[in-house]
Amino acid sequence: MRNPLSDKITKIKPSGIRKFFDIVSEMEDAISLGVGEPDFDTPWHIRDEGIYSLEKGKTFYTSNAGLKELRQEICNYYARKQGVLYDPLKETLVTVGGSEGIDLALRCMLNPGDEVIIPTPCYVSYEPCTIMADGVPVILPLKNENQFRLTPEELEGAITEKSKVLILAFPNNPTGAIMEKSDLEKLVPIIEKYDLMVISDEIYSELSYKSKHVSICSLPGMQERTIVINGFSKAYAMTGWRLGYALGPELVIKQMIKLHQFAIMCAPTTSQYAAIEALKNGDEDVVEMTEAYNQRRRFLMNEFKEMGLPCFEPFGAFYVFPCIKEFGMTSEEFALKFLEEEKVAVVPGTAFGDCGEGFLRISYAYSIDDLKVAIGRLKNFIANLRNK
């Protein structure tokens, strides 16, 4: 029998996150600080709208691009948050989570051999999605000393004649790094000089603690060369609803809708009705949850300081990325030993790229009580390592 599998898919490594949760799922009294999922329930008024849509029998397919009212509310959101105007009918697509939007954008923009610049550490999907779209990932390691921000010098140094797409993912998973307006403005001349398209993954845009998130699409000349990816999972605690969206120039969005039509048909109808309510009336929920995350962020930074564990201060998302290089172990060795001895799961930095070696990703999308217990165990673990 011939090999039924594609060479391309078999060469892609599985997510480096999963093995730890396979272990922790079978371990009693274990605490997981590894999943990037809000511990809040979806706010009731959003759930109610989904329930009401079911009660009214609104269970049919929507248009391929999504409910017109939802697309309009998405455009309203970017108009009031970023001052950028999009056409709900021609420049907006509702997707099954932000991840589908990333996959669609890459498959619709890349020809075989086109290069995609991927600053790392980063979300685990960018590289495999690039490969599956016949693109070539160009891994661009960011530096702790720069607070994991992308500098213009780093960007220009990664560009070749085959470069086509730059992925920007800020606020960042796993580091919590942000790019402020002044940082983005320095990138624009380089992006224009080399005629790059940008995929701006803004799924954590509402979780920004230092200053209001600025999208690169809002800068002069960038709206026509940016595909914005966003969604409802993080800001509105709607992970299981599986709903995201893409905004961008009609030329690209039209092709993304076509591919989405063949692969998915449309995003879940019930989720779309709930999302309309989230965008219309969810601002207070977002503020409340963001304040809670910020409290947890400050707690962790203070605890790291007390235990002498180096960690740059993250100003976005709900992750911290402490450095554990002093202990002479790889990130995976440290994470496995910590899990085995203290029953706390964290993610080795290398799950997000080779430059994550020597770091851990710790999520604070958990209750403050769980965080206190977990940090107490981390203190004990580190004290034992230092006393050996």
Foldseek 3Di string as FASTA:
>chain_A
DDDPDDPLVVPDDPFLQPVLVVVLVPDPPFAEQADQFFPDDQDPVLVVLLVVCVVVVVQDFDFLQADLLLLVLVQVLCCVQAVDGFDSVQFKGKFQALLLVLLLLLLLFDDAAAEEEEEDLADLRNCSSNSVSNYHYQYQYADVVVLSADALVSVVVRDDLRYAEYEAEPVGPQALAHQDPVRLVRNVVVCVVSVHAYEYECQFQLLFAPDHHHDSCSDPPRQARYKYKYFCCNQRSPVVQRIIMIGGHSVSVVSSSVVSCVPPVHRGSSSSSSSSCCSVPVPVVSVVSSVQLVVLLVVVVVLCVVLVWDWPRRRTRFKTKTFQVVLVDWQVVVQVVLCVPQSYHWGQLCSSPPSSIRIIIGGPSDHPVSVVSSSVSVSVVVVVSVVD
